[in-house]
Amino acid sequence: MAYVLHTAMSIDKAVLHRDRCLEVPQNITHQDHWTGVWQEIIDKERAYEALDLSPARYKLKCVLCKP
């Protein structure tokens, strides 16, 4: 199972999702300042580490998929 980290710097928030979450778009290659960056991370440890190291002020886990 992979994880996806969504970092939206326009609202200063990072959210960790599972790869099959409904909030994760089909095409995660698009990124800009307003919609943010979607990063696919294979390992659970690295996903949590990436969330902790994110420059965003608000670091959350998705309430839908509960990674």
N, C-alpha and C. Protein backbone atom coordinates (compact mmCIF):
# COMPACT_ATOMS: atom_id res chain seq x y z
N MET A 1 0.84 -1.18 0.00
CA MET A 1 0.00 0.00 0.00
C MET A 1 0.89 1.24 0.00
N ALA A 2 0.56 2.18 -0.83
CA ALA A 2 1.31 3.43 -0.92
C ALA A 2 0.54 4.54 -0.21
N TYR A 3 1.24 5.61 0.04
CA TYR A 3 0.66 6.77 0.70
C TYR A 3 0.89 7.98 -0.19
N VAL A 4 0.05 8.99 -0.01
CA VAL A 4 0.17 10.22 -0.79
C VAL A 4 0.15 11.39 0.17
N LEU A 5 1.17 12.25 0.05
CA LEU A 5 1.24 13.45 0.87
C LEU A 5 0.83 14.64 0.02
N HIS A 6 -0.17 15.36 0.46
CA HIS A 6 -0.64 16.55 -0.24
C HIS A 6 -0.22 17.76 0.56
N THR A 7 0.67 18.57 -0.02
CA THR A 7 1.15 19.79 0.62
C THR A 7 0.61 20.98 -0.13
N ALA A 8 -0.25 21.76 0.53
CA ALA A 8 -0.83 22.96 -0.07
C ALA A 8 -0.27 24.17 0.68
N MET A 9 0.73 24.80 0.11
CA MET A 9 1.39 25.91 0.80
C MET A 9 0.53 27.18 0.82
N SER A 10 -0.44 27.29 -0.08
CA SER A 10 -1.30 28.47 -0.08
C SER A 10 -2.15 28.54 1.19
N ILE A 11 -2.48 27.38 1.77
CA ILE A 11 -3.24 27.37 3.03
C ILE A 11 -2.41 26.78 4.17
N ASP A 12 -1.11 26.57 3.92
CA ASP A 12 -0.16 26.13 4.93
C ASP A 12 -0.59 24.83 5.60
N LYS A 13 -0.91 23.81 4.78
CA LYS A 13 -1.43 22.55 5.30
C LYS A 13 -0.84 21.37 4.53
N ALA A 14 -0.53 20.30 5.27
CA ALA A 14 -0.09 19.05 4.67
C ALA A 14 -0.99 17.94 5.19
N VAL A 15 -1.48 17.10 4.28
CA VAL A 15 -2.39 16.01 4.65
C VAL A 15 -1.86 14.70 4.07
N LEU A 16 -1.81 13.68 4.92
CA LEU A 16 -1.36 12.36 4.49
C LEU A 16 -2.57 11.50 4.18
N HIS A 17 -2.56 10.87 2.99
CA HIS A 17 -3.66 10.02 2.52
C HIS A 17 -3.12 8.64 2.17
N ARG A 18 -4.01 7.65 2.13
CA ARG A 18 -3.68 6.37 1.50
C ARG A 18 -3.87 6.54 0.00
N ASP A 19 -3.22 5.72 -0.79
CA ASP A 19 -3.26 5.91 -2.25
C ASP A 19 -4.64 5.70 -2.85
N ARG A 20 -5.54 5.00 -2.18
CA ARG A 20 -6.89 4.76 -2.73
C ARG A 20 -7.95 5.67 -2.12
N CYS A 21 -7.53 6.72 -1.46
CA CYS A 21 -8.47 7.65 -0.83
C CYS A 21 -9.27 8.40 -1.91
N LEU A 22 -10.50 8.74 -1.59
CA LEU A 22 -11.36 9.46 -2.53
C LEU A 22 -10.87 10.87 -2.81
N GLU A 23 -10.12 11.46 -1.89
CA GLU A 23 -9.63 12.83 -2.08
C GLU A 23 -8.41 12.92 -2.98
N VAL A 24 -7.75 11.80 -3.22
CA VAL A 24 -6.55 11.80 -4.07
C VAL A 24 -6.98 11.78 -5.52
N PRO A 25 -6.52 12.75 -6.33
CA PRO A 25 -6.92 12.77 -7.75
C PRO A 25 -6.27 11.63 -8.53
N GLN A 26 -6.86 11.30 -9.68
CA GLN A 26 -6.32 10.24 -10.53
C GLN A 26 -4.94 10.59 -11.06
N ASN A 27 -4.77 11.86 -11.44
CA ASN A 27 -3.50 12.33 -11.99
C ASN A 27 -2.83 13.22 -10.95
N ILE A 28 -1.85 12.69 -10.24
CA ILE A 28 -1.21 13.47 -9.19
C ILE A 28 0.04 14.21 -9.66
N THR A 29 0.27 14.28 -10.97
CA THR A 29 1.46 14.95 -11.46
C THR A 29 1.29 16.45 -11.55
N HIS A 30 0.04 16.96 -11.56
CA HIS A 30 -0.19 18.41 -11.65
C HIS A 30 0.08 19.06 -10.30
N GLN A 31 0.78 20.18 -10.32
CA GLN A 31 1.05 20.90 -9.07
C GLN A 31 1.19 22.38 -9.35
N ASP A 32 0.71 23.18 -8.44
CA ASP A 32 0.93 24.62 -8.48
C ASP A 32 0.76 25.16 -7.06
N HIS A 33 0.89 26.47 -6.90
CA HIS A 33 0.85 27.07 -5.56
C HIS A 33 -0.50 26.89 -4.89
N TRP A 34 -1.58 26.94 -5.65
CA TRP A 34 -2.92 26.91 -5.04
C TRP A 34 -3.40 25.49 -4.76
N THR A 35 -3.21 24.57 -5.68
CA THR A 35 -3.67 23.21 -5.44
C THR A 35 -2.65 22.39 -4.67
N GLY A 36 -1.40 22.78 -4.71
CA GLY A 36 -0.37 22.11 -3.94
C GLY A 36 0.35 21.02 -4.69
N VAL A 37 1.15 20.28 -3.94
CA VAL A 37 1.99 19.22 -4.48
C VAL A 37 1.48 17.89 -3.94
N TRP A 38 1.33 16.91 -4.83
CA TRP A 38 0.93 15.56 -4.44
C TRP A 38 2.16 14.67 -4.61
N GLN A 39 2.61 14.02 -3.51
CA GLN A 39 3.78 13.15 -3.57
C GLN A 39 3.37 11.73 -3.20
N GLU A 40 3.71 10.78 -4.05
CA GLU A 40 3.42 9.38 -3.74
C GLU A 40 4.62 8.80 -3.00
N ILE A 41 4.34 8.17 -1.85
CA ILE A 41 5.39 7.61 -1.00
C ILE A 41 5.04 6.14 -0.76
N ILE A 42 6.00 5.26 -1.01
CA ILE A 42 5.74 3.82 -0.96
C ILE A 42 5.71 3.30 0.48
N ASP A 43 6.62 3.74 1.32
CA ASP A 43 6.81 3.20 2.66
C ASP A 43 6.04 4.00 3.71
N LYS A 44 5.43 3.32 4.68
CA LYS A 44 4.66 4.00 5.72
C LYS A 44 5.56 4.86 6.61
N GLU A 45 6.73 4.35 6.97
CA GLU A 45 7.67 5.11 7.79
C GLU A 45 8.08 6.40 7.10
N ARG A 46 8.40 6.29 5.83
CA ARG A 46 8.83 7.48 5.08
C ARG A 46 7.68 8.46 4.90
N ALA A 47 6.47 7.95 4.80
CA ALA A 47 5.31 8.83 4.66
C ALA A 47 5.11 9.67 5.92
N TYR A 48 5.21 9.02 7.08
CA TYR A 48 5.07 9.76 8.33
C TYR A 48 6.24 10.72 8.54
N GLU A 49 7.43 10.32 8.12
CA GLU A 49 8.59 11.20 8.21
C GLU A 49 8.44 12.42 7.30
N ALA A 50 7.92 12.19 6.09
CA ALA A 50 7.70 13.30 5.16
C ALA A 50 6.66 14.27 5.71
N LEU A 51 5.64 13.74 6.37
CA LEU A 51 4.63 14.61 6.98
C LEU A 51 5.26 15.45 8.09
N ASP A 52 6.10 14.83 8.92
CA ASP A 52 6.76 15.56 10.00
C ASP A 52 7.72 16.62 9.47
N LEU A 53 8.39 16.34 8.37
CA LEU A 53 9.38 17.26 7.81
C LEU A 53 8.77 18.31 6.88
N SER A 54 7.48 18.23 6.67
CA SER A 54 6.82 19.18 5.79
C SER A 54 6.92 20.60 6.35
N PRO A 55 7.13 21.60 5.49
CA PRO A 55 7.22 22.98 5.98
C PRO A 55 5.87 23.59 6.36
N ALA A 56 4.79 22.88 6.12
CA ALA A 56 3.45 23.40 6.43
C ALA A 56 3.23 23.47 7.94
N ARG A 57 2.45 24.43 8.36
CA ARG A 57 2.16 24.59 9.78
C ARG A 57 1.19 23.52 10.29
N TYR A 58 0.17 23.22 9.49
CA TYR A 58 -0.85 22.24 9.88
C TYR A 58 -0.54 20.90 9.23
N LYS A 59 -0.26 19.90 10.03
CA LYS A 59 0.10 18.55 9.55
C LYS A 59 -1.01 17.60 10.01
N LEU A 60 -1.77 17.08 9.05
CA LEU A 60 -2.95 16.28 9.36
C LEU A 60 -2.90 14.92 8.67
N LYS A 61 -3.69 13.99 9.22
CA LYS A 61 -3.93 12.71 8.56
C LYS A 61 -5.38 12.75 8.08
N CYS A 62 -5.62 12.22 6.90
CA CYS A 62 -6.95 12.24 6.31
C CYS A 62 -7.97 11.55 7.22
N VAL A 63 -9.12 12.18 7.40
CA VAL A 63 -10.16 11.59 8.24
C VAL A 63 -10.98 10.54 7.48
N LEU A 64 -10.90 10.54 6.16
CA LEU A 64 -11.64 9.54 5.37
C LEU A 64 -10.94 8.19 5.34
N CYS A 65 -9.66 8.20 5.03
CA CYS A 65 -8.95 6.92 4.85
C CYS A 65 -8.12 6.53 6.07
N LYS A 66 -7.90 7.43 6.99
CA LYS A 66 -7.19 7.17 8.25
C LYS A 66 -5.88 6.39 8.05
N PRO A 67 -4.87 7.03 7.44
CA PRO A 67 -3.61 6.34 7.22
C PRO A 67 -2.85 6.04 8.50
